N, C-alpha and C. Protein backbone atom coordinates (compact mmCIF):
# COMPACT_ATOMS: atom_id res chain seq x y z
N MET A 1 -3.95 4.74 -9.14
CA MET A 1 -3.76 5.82 -8.20
C MET A 1 -4.29 7.14 -8.74
N THR A 2 -5.18 7.13 -9.70
CA THR A 2 -5.67 8.33 -10.33
C THR A 2 -6.92 8.83 -9.61
N THR A 3 -6.94 10.10 -9.28
CA THR A 3 -8.13 10.71 -8.73
C THR A 3 -9.03 11.07 -9.90
N THR A 4 -10.30 10.75 -9.78
CA THR A 4 -11.21 10.98 -10.88
C THR A 4 -12.31 11.95 -10.46
N ARG A 5 -13.02 12.43 -11.47
CA ARG A 5 -14.14 13.32 -11.23
C ARG A 5 -15.42 12.65 -11.68
N GLY A 6 -16.42 12.70 -10.85
CA GLY A 6 -17.74 12.26 -11.24
C GLY A 6 -17.83 10.80 -11.62
N ALA A 7 -19.01 10.43 -12.11
CA ALA A 7 -19.29 9.05 -12.45
C ALA A 7 -18.58 8.62 -13.73
N GLU A 8 -18.18 9.58 -14.54
CA GLU A 8 -17.57 9.22 -15.82
C GLU A 8 -16.14 8.73 -15.69
N ASN A 9 -15.55 8.81 -14.49
CA ASN A 9 -14.19 8.31 -14.26
C ASN A 9 -13.15 8.94 -15.17
N THR A 10 -13.31 10.18 -15.48
CA THR A 10 -12.31 10.87 -16.28
C THR A 10 -11.40 11.66 -15.35
N PRO A 11 -10.10 11.65 -15.65
CA PRO A 11 -9.18 12.38 -14.78
C PRO A 11 -9.37 13.89 -14.92
N ARG A 12 -9.07 14.58 -13.87
CA ARG A 12 -9.11 16.04 -13.90
C ARG A 12 -7.94 16.54 -14.75
N ILE A 13 -8.22 17.43 -15.67
CA ILE A 13 -7.19 18.05 -16.51
C ILE A 13 -6.85 19.40 -15.88
N PHE A 14 -5.58 19.61 -15.58
CA PHE A 14 -5.13 20.83 -14.92
C PHE A 14 -4.53 21.81 -15.93
N SER A 15 -4.77 23.07 -15.70
CA SER A 15 -3.98 24.10 -16.37
C SER A 15 -2.69 24.26 -15.56
N ILE A 16 -1.71 24.92 -16.13
CA ILE A 16 -0.48 25.17 -15.38
C ILE A 16 -0.79 25.99 -14.13
N ALA A 17 -1.65 26.99 -14.28
CA ALA A 17 -1.99 27.85 -13.13
C ALA A 17 -2.66 27.03 -12.03
N GLU A 18 -3.56 26.13 -12.38
CA GLU A 18 -4.23 25.30 -11.37
C GLU A 18 -3.23 24.38 -10.66
N ALA A 19 -2.36 23.77 -11.44
CA ALA A 19 -1.35 22.89 -10.84
C ALA A 19 -0.41 23.70 -9.95
N ASN A 20 0.05 24.84 -10.44
CA ASN A 20 0.96 25.68 -9.65
C ASN A 20 0.32 26.17 -8.37
N ALA A 21 -0.99 26.40 -8.38
CA ALA A 21 -1.69 26.85 -7.18
C ALA A 21 -1.63 25.79 -6.07
N LEU A 22 -1.47 24.54 -6.45
CA LEU A 22 -1.40 23.45 -5.47
C LEU A 22 0.01 23.21 -4.94
N ILE A 23 1.03 23.77 -5.59
CA ILE A 23 2.41 23.45 -5.22
C ILE A 23 2.73 23.77 -3.75
N PRO A 24 2.33 24.89 -3.19
CA PRO A 24 2.64 25.12 -1.76
C PRO A 24 2.08 24.03 -0.84
N SER A 25 0.82 23.67 -1.03
CA SER A 25 0.21 22.61 -0.22
C SER A 25 0.87 21.27 -0.52
N LEU A 26 1.10 21.01 -1.79
CA LEU A 26 1.72 19.76 -2.20
C LEU A 26 3.13 19.64 -1.64
N SER A 27 3.88 20.73 -1.65
CA SER A 27 5.24 20.71 -1.10
C SER A 27 5.23 20.34 0.38
N ALA A 28 4.30 20.92 1.13
CA ALA A 28 4.21 20.62 2.56
C ALA A 28 3.82 19.15 2.77
N LEU A 29 2.85 18.66 2.01
CA LEU A 29 2.43 17.27 2.14
C LEU A 29 3.56 16.31 1.79
N VAL A 30 4.24 16.57 0.68
CA VAL A 30 5.31 15.66 0.25
C VAL A 30 6.50 15.73 1.22
N ALA A 31 6.80 16.90 1.74
CA ALA A 31 7.87 17.01 2.74
C ALA A 31 7.56 16.12 3.93
N GLU A 32 6.32 16.14 4.39
CA GLU A 32 5.92 15.30 5.52
C GLU A 32 6.03 13.82 5.13
N GLN A 33 5.65 13.48 3.92
CA GLN A 33 5.75 12.10 3.46
C GLN A 33 7.20 11.62 3.44
N LEU A 34 8.09 12.46 2.96
CA LEU A 34 9.50 12.08 2.91
C LEU A 34 10.08 11.93 4.31
N ARG A 35 9.65 12.78 5.25
CA ARG A 35 10.07 12.62 6.66
C ARG A 35 9.54 11.31 7.23
N GLU A 36 8.28 11.04 6.94
CA GLU A 36 7.65 9.81 7.44
C GLU A 36 8.37 8.59 6.86
N GLN A 37 8.70 8.64 5.59
CA GLN A 37 9.44 7.55 4.94
C GLN A 37 10.77 7.31 5.62
N SER A 38 11.49 8.37 5.92
CA SER A 38 12.78 8.26 6.59
C SER A 38 12.62 7.64 7.98
N GLU A 39 11.59 8.06 8.70
CA GLU A 39 11.37 7.52 10.04
C GLU A 39 10.94 6.05 9.99
N ILE A 40 10.21 5.67 8.95
CA ILE A 40 9.86 4.25 8.79
C ILE A 40 11.14 3.44 8.55
N GLU A 41 12.00 3.94 7.69
CA GLU A 41 13.26 3.24 7.42
C GLU A 41 14.11 3.13 8.68
N GLN A 42 14.17 4.20 9.47
CA GLN A 42 14.93 4.15 10.73
C GLN A 42 14.30 3.15 11.70
N GLY A 43 12.97 3.14 11.76
CA GLY A 43 12.27 2.20 12.63
C GLY A 43 12.50 0.76 12.21
N LEU A 44 12.53 0.51 10.92
CA LEU A 44 12.81 -0.84 10.44
C LEU A 44 14.24 -1.27 10.80
N ALA A 45 15.17 -0.34 10.69
CA ALA A 45 16.56 -0.64 11.05
C ALA A 45 16.65 -0.96 12.55
N GLU A 46 15.97 -0.17 13.37
CA GLU A 46 15.98 -0.43 14.81
C GLU A 46 15.32 -1.77 15.14
N LEU A 47 14.21 -2.04 14.46
CA LEU A 47 13.53 -3.32 14.68
C LEU A 47 14.43 -4.49 14.30
N THR A 48 15.14 -4.37 13.20
CA THR A 48 16.06 -5.42 12.76
C THR A 48 17.17 -5.61 13.79
N GLN A 49 17.68 -4.50 14.30
CA GLN A 49 18.75 -4.59 15.30
C GLN A 49 18.25 -5.25 16.58
N ARG A 50 17.08 -4.85 17.04
CA ARG A 50 16.57 -5.38 18.32
C ARG A 50 16.14 -6.84 18.22
N SER A 51 15.62 -7.23 17.06
CA SER A 51 15.14 -8.61 16.94
C SER A 51 16.20 -9.54 16.37
N GLY A 52 17.28 -8.97 15.85
CA GLY A 52 18.36 -9.79 15.31
C GLY A 52 18.12 -10.28 13.90
N ARG A 53 17.00 -9.84 13.29
CA ARG A 53 16.71 -10.24 11.91
C ARG A 53 15.75 -9.24 11.29
N ALA A 54 15.76 -9.19 9.98
CA ALA A 54 14.82 -8.31 9.28
C ALA A 54 13.40 -8.86 9.48
N PRO A 55 12.45 -7.98 9.81
CA PRO A 55 11.09 -8.47 10.05
C PRO A 55 10.43 -8.93 8.75
N LYS A 56 9.73 -10.06 8.82
CA LYS A 56 8.95 -10.53 7.67
C LYS A 56 7.58 -9.88 7.67
N THR A 57 7.15 -9.46 8.85
CA THR A 57 5.84 -8.83 9.00
C THR A 57 5.91 -7.85 10.17
N LEU A 58 4.99 -6.91 10.17
CA LEU A 58 4.90 -5.99 11.30
C LEU A 58 3.81 -6.42 12.28
N ALA A 59 3.23 -7.60 12.05
CA ALA A 59 2.22 -8.12 12.96
C ALA A 59 2.89 -8.54 14.27
N ALA A 60 2.17 -8.33 15.37
CA ALA A 60 2.67 -8.76 16.67
C ALA A 60 2.82 -10.28 16.67
N SER A 61 3.84 -10.73 17.36
CA SER A 61 4.12 -12.17 17.43
C SER A 61 4.42 -12.55 18.87
N PRO A 62 3.90 -13.69 19.33
CA PRO A 62 4.15 -14.10 20.72
C PRO A 62 5.62 -14.37 20.99
N GLU A 63 6.39 -14.72 19.97
CA GLU A 63 7.81 -14.99 20.21
C GLU A 63 8.65 -13.72 20.29
N ASP A 64 8.07 -12.56 19.92
CA ASP A 64 8.81 -11.29 20.00
C ASP A 64 8.75 -10.73 21.42
N SER A 65 9.79 -9.99 21.79
CA SER A 65 9.79 -9.33 23.10
C SER A 65 8.75 -8.20 23.08
N GLY A 66 8.43 -7.73 24.27
CA GLY A 66 7.50 -6.61 24.37
C GLY A 66 8.00 -5.39 23.62
N GLU A 67 9.31 -5.13 23.71
CA GLU A 67 9.90 -3.98 23.01
C GLU A 67 9.77 -4.14 21.51
N VAL A 68 10.02 -5.32 20.99
CA VAL A 68 9.91 -5.56 19.54
C VAL A 68 8.45 -5.38 19.10
N ASN A 69 7.51 -5.88 19.88
CA ASN A 69 6.09 -5.71 19.54
C ASN A 69 5.68 -4.24 19.60
N ARG A 70 6.24 -3.46 20.53
CA ARG A 70 5.95 -2.02 20.59
C ARG A 70 6.51 -1.32 19.36
N LEU A 71 7.71 -1.70 18.95
CA LEU A 71 8.29 -1.12 17.73
C LEU A 71 7.45 -1.46 16.51
N LYS A 72 6.98 -2.69 16.44
CA LYS A 72 6.13 -3.09 15.32
C LYS A 72 4.83 -2.27 15.31
N GLN A 73 4.24 -2.08 16.47
CA GLN A 73 3.01 -1.29 16.56
C GLN A 73 3.26 0.14 16.09
N ALA A 74 4.35 0.74 16.53
CA ALA A 74 4.68 2.11 16.12
C ALA A 74 4.90 2.17 14.61
N LEU A 75 5.56 1.17 14.06
CA LEU A 75 5.79 1.15 12.61
C LEU A 75 4.48 0.96 11.84
N ARG A 76 3.59 0.12 12.34
CA ARG A 76 2.29 -0.05 11.67
C ARG A 76 1.56 1.28 11.61
N GLU A 77 1.60 2.04 12.71
CA GLU A 77 0.94 3.35 12.74
C GLU A 77 1.61 4.31 11.76
N ARG A 78 2.94 4.32 11.70
CA ARG A 78 3.65 5.18 10.75
C ARG A 78 3.30 4.83 9.30
N VAL A 79 3.26 3.54 9.01
CA VAL A 79 2.92 3.10 7.66
C VAL A 79 1.49 3.53 7.31
N ARG A 80 0.58 3.41 8.28
CA ARG A 80 -0.80 3.85 8.06
C ARG A 80 -0.84 5.34 7.73
N ARG A 81 -0.11 6.16 8.49
CA ARG A 81 -0.07 7.61 8.23
C ARG A 81 0.57 7.91 6.87
N TYR A 82 1.62 7.15 6.54
CA TYR A 82 2.31 7.33 5.27
C TYR A 82 1.36 7.06 4.10
N GLU A 83 0.64 5.96 4.18
CA GLU A 83 -0.32 5.64 3.11
C GLU A 83 -1.44 6.67 3.04
N ALA A 84 -1.92 7.12 4.19
CA ALA A 84 -2.97 8.14 4.21
C ALA A 84 -2.47 9.46 3.63
N GLY A 85 -1.21 9.78 3.86
CA GLY A 85 -0.65 11.01 3.30
C GLY A 85 -0.62 10.99 1.78
N TRP A 86 -0.25 9.85 1.20
CA TRP A 86 -0.26 9.77 -0.27
C TRP A 86 -1.68 9.78 -0.80
N ASP A 87 -2.62 9.20 -0.04
CA ASP A 87 -4.03 9.28 -0.45
C ASP A 87 -4.48 10.74 -0.49
N GLU A 88 -4.03 11.53 0.47
CA GLU A 88 -4.38 12.95 0.50
C GLU A 88 -3.82 13.67 -0.72
N VAL A 89 -2.60 13.35 -1.11
CA VAL A 89 -2.00 13.94 -2.31
C VAL A 89 -2.87 13.60 -3.52
N GLN A 90 -3.29 12.36 -3.61
CA GLN A 90 -4.13 11.95 -4.74
C GLN A 90 -5.49 12.65 -4.75
N ARG A 91 -6.04 12.92 -3.58
CA ARG A 91 -7.32 13.62 -3.52
C ARG A 91 -7.23 15.03 -4.11
N LEU A 92 -6.03 15.59 -4.15
CA LEU A 92 -5.84 16.89 -4.80
C LEU A 92 -5.98 16.79 -6.32
N GLY A 93 -5.99 15.58 -6.85
CA GLY A 93 -6.08 15.38 -8.28
C GLY A 93 -4.75 14.99 -8.91
N CYS A 94 -3.75 14.82 -8.09
CA CYS A 94 -2.40 14.46 -8.56
C CYS A 94 -2.28 12.95 -8.70
N VAL A 95 -1.25 12.54 -9.43
CA VAL A 95 -0.92 11.13 -9.56
C VAL A 95 0.50 10.96 -9.02
N VAL A 96 0.64 10.15 -7.99
CA VAL A 96 1.95 9.91 -7.38
C VAL A 96 2.72 8.96 -8.29
N LYS A 97 3.86 9.42 -8.78
CA LYS A 97 4.67 8.61 -9.70
C LYS A 97 5.82 7.91 -8.99
N ASP A 98 6.50 8.58 -8.09
CA ASP A 98 7.60 7.96 -7.34
C ASP A 98 7.65 8.56 -5.94
N PRO A 99 7.05 7.87 -4.97
CA PRO A 99 7.01 8.43 -3.61
C PRO A 99 8.38 8.54 -2.95
N ARG A 100 9.36 7.77 -3.42
CA ARG A 100 10.69 7.82 -2.80
C ARG A 100 11.35 9.17 -3.01
N ILE A 101 11.07 9.84 -4.13
CA ILE A 101 11.68 11.14 -4.43
C ILE A 101 10.67 12.27 -4.49
N GLY A 102 9.39 11.97 -4.23
CA GLY A 102 8.36 13.01 -4.28
C GLY A 102 8.02 13.45 -5.69
N LEU A 103 7.90 12.50 -6.60
CA LEU A 103 7.57 12.80 -7.99
C LEU A 103 6.06 12.66 -8.18
N VAL A 104 5.44 13.76 -8.62
CA VAL A 104 3.99 13.83 -8.75
C VAL A 104 3.67 14.44 -10.11
N ASP A 105 2.68 13.88 -10.79
CA ASP A 105 2.25 14.42 -12.07
C ASP A 105 0.80 14.85 -12.00
N PHE A 106 0.45 15.75 -12.90
CA PHE A 106 -0.92 16.22 -13.09
C PHE A 106 -1.28 15.97 -14.55
N TYR A 107 -2.52 15.61 -14.81
CA TYR A 107 -2.95 15.54 -16.20
C TYR A 107 -3.08 16.95 -16.75
N GLY A 108 -2.57 17.16 -17.95
CA GLY A 108 -2.72 18.42 -18.67
C GLY A 108 -3.03 18.09 -20.12
N ARG A 109 -3.25 19.11 -20.92
CA ARG A 109 -3.55 18.88 -22.33
C ARG A 109 -2.79 19.90 -23.17
N ILE A 110 -2.05 19.40 -24.16
CA ILE A 110 -1.32 20.25 -25.09
C ILE A 110 -1.80 19.92 -26.49
N GLU A 111 -2.30 20.94 -27.16
CA GLU A 111 -2.79 20.79 -28.54
C GLU A 111 -3.68 19.56 -28.70
N GLY A 112 -4.60 19.39 -27.76
CA GLY A 112 -5.59 18.33 -27.86
C GLY A 112 -5.15 16.97 -27.34
N ARG A 113 -3.90 16.80 -26.99
CA ARG A 113 -3.47 15.49 -26.45
C ARG A 113 -3.20 15.62 -24.95
N THR A 114 -3.52 14.56 -24.25
CA THR A 114 -3.32 14.54 -22.81
C THR A 114 -1.85 14.23 -22.51
N VAL A 115 -1.29 14.99 -21.60
CA VAL A 115 0.11 14.85 -21.20
C VAL A 115 0.19 14.88 -19.68
N TRP A 116 1.36 14.58 -19.16
CA TRP A 116 1.64 14.75 -17.74
C TRP A 116 2.32 16.09 -17.53
N LEU A 117 1.79 16.91 -16.63
CA LEU A 117 2.51 18.08 -16.13
C LEU A 117 3.30 17.54 -14.95
N CYS A 118 4.60 17.66 -15.00
CA CYS A 118 5.49 16.92 -14.11
C CYS A 118 6.08 17.84 -13.04
N TRP A 119 5.99 17.39 -11.78
CA TRP A 119 6.55 18.14 -10.66
C TRP A 119 7.30 17.18 -9.75
N ARG A 120 8.43 17.64 -9.26
CA ARG A 120 9.23 16.87 -8.31
C ARG A 120 9.45 17.72 -7.07
N TYR A 121 9.39 17.08 -5.91
CA TYR A 121 9.58 17.81 -4.66
C TYR A 121 10.84 18.66 -4.74
N GLY A 122 10.71 19.91 -4.31
CA GLY A 122 11.82 20.85 -4.35
C GLY A 122 11.70 21.85 -5.49
N GLU A 123 10.92 21.53 -6.51
CA GLU A 123 10.70 22.47 -7.61
C GLU A 123 9.63 23.48 -7.18
N GLU A 124 9.82 24.73 -7.54
CA GLU A 124 8.91 25.79 -7.09
C GLU A 124 7.63 25.87 -7.91
N SER A 125 7.64 25.31 -9.11
CA SER A 125 6.47 25.37 -9.96
C SER A 125 6.56 24.26 -11.00
N ILE A 126 5.49 24.13 -11.77
CA ILE A 126 5.47 23.16 -12.86
C ILE A 126 6.33 23.73 -13.99
N GLY A 127 7.39 23.05 -14.31
CA GLY A 127 8.29 23.53 -15.36
C GLY A 127 8.50 22.52 -16.47
N TYR A 128 7.87 21.33 -16.34
CA TYR A 128 8.11 20.26 -17.30
C TYR A 128 6.82 19.52 -17.60
N TYR A 129 6.83 18.82 -18.71
CA TYR A 129 5.74 17.93 -19.08
C TYR A 129 6.35 16.74 -19.81
N HIS A 130 5.55 15.69 -19.97
CA HIS A 130 5.97 14.56 -20.82
C HIS A 130 4.73 13.81 -21.26
N ASP A 131 4.89 13.05 -22.34
CA ASP A 131 3.79 12.24 -22.85
C ASP A 131 3.39 11.21 -21.81
N LEU A 132 2.15 10.73 -21.90
CA LEU A 132 1.65 9.77 -20.92
C LEU A 132 2.47 8.48 -20.88
N ASP A 133 3.04 8.10 -22.01
CA ASP A 133 3.80 6.85 -22.04
C ASP A 133 5.30 7.06 -21.82
N ALA A 134 5.70 8.29 -21.56
CA ALA A 134 7.11 8.59 -21.28
C ALA A 134 7.29 8.74 -19.77
N GLY A 135 8.41 8.37 -19.29
CA GLY A 135 8.71 8.52 -17.87
C GLY A 135 9.42 9.83 -17.58
N PHE A 136 9.93 9.90 -16.36
CA PHE A 136 10.64 11.10 -15.89
C PHE A 136 11.76 11.50 -16.85
N SER A 137 12.44 10.51 -17.42
CA SER A 137 13.55 10.81 -18.33
C SER A 137 13.07 11.48 -19.61
N GLY A 138 11.76 11.40 -19.89
CA GLY A 138 11.21 12.03 -21.09
C GLY A 138 10.68 13.44 -20.84
N ARG A 139 11.00 14.00 -19.68
CA ARG A 139 10.51 15.36 -19.36
C ARG A 139 11.05 16.37 -20.35
N ARG A 140 10.18 17.29 -20.72
CA ARG A 140 10.57 18.41 -21.59
C ARG A 140 10.13 19.70 -20.91
N ALA A 141 10.90 20.73 -21.14
CA ALA A 141 10.61 22.02 -20.51
C ALA A 141 9.32 22.62 -21.06
N LEU A 142 8.60 23.28 -20.18
CA LEU A 142 7.41 24.02 -20.59
C LEU A 142 7.87 25.38 -21.12
N THR A 143 8.23 25.42 -22.37
CA THR A 143 8.68 26.66 -23.01
C THR A 143 7.49 27.59 -23.20
N PRO A 144 7.72 28.86 -23.50
CA PRO A 144 6.60 29.78 -23.76
C PRO A 144 5.67 29.26 -24.87
N ALA A 145 6.22 28.65 -25.91
CA ALA A 145 5.38 28.12 -26.99
C ALA A 145 4.51 26.98 -26.49
N VAL A 146 5.07 26.10 -25.67
CA VAL A 146 4.29 24.98 -25.12
C VAL A 146 3.23 25.52 -24.17
N ARG A 147 3.59 26.49 -23.37
CA ARG A 147 2.61 27.08 -22.43
C ARG A 147 1.42 27.67 -23.18
N ARG A 148 1.67 28.29 -24.33
CA ARG A 148 0.56 28.84 -25.12
C ARG A 148 -0.30 27.73 -25.70
N ALA A 149 0.27 26.56 -25.95
CA ALA A 149 -0.46 25.45 -26.54
C ALA A 149 -1.29 24.68 -25.51
N LEU A 150 -1.02 24.89 -24.24
CA LEU A 150 -1.77 24.21 -23.20
C LEU A 150 -3.22 24.67 -23.20
N VAL A 151 -4.13 23.73 -23.07
CA VAL A 151 -5.54 24.05 -22.94
C VAL A 151 -5.75 24.48 -21.50
N ASN A 152 -6.17 25.71 -21.29
CA ASN A 152 -6.37 26.22 -19.94
C ASN A 152 -7.81 26.56 -19.68
């Protein structure tokens, strides 16, 4: 899910300022994604209720009622928009880490090593980073000393 630059397939390295400049747009995109996710979940619940069972597929089926097939069609369209929305986030140069909570990382560099600049929906700016092999639980604050060490 990494957006790359050029033929060399190297990820874009962001400064804190570059990543922070994307936060307003990113916040709006992720908010829409979380709304879409909620509506997909509601649609699946309604489909389960109307058909009497959890759907194995969203493909139209001759044994389904017209209403169930309409619900499936609406859900297929929602899923398509949901996937396209995350693709748009990735085109910004971000890496989607957990779409359920709106967790997005940016590649950054601290003292010559590549790290994740970590952002979660609802945060106003990039305030954390972690090593590439560490997860969300390994987040560390971007202290003034760390900010000075970032390659910008």
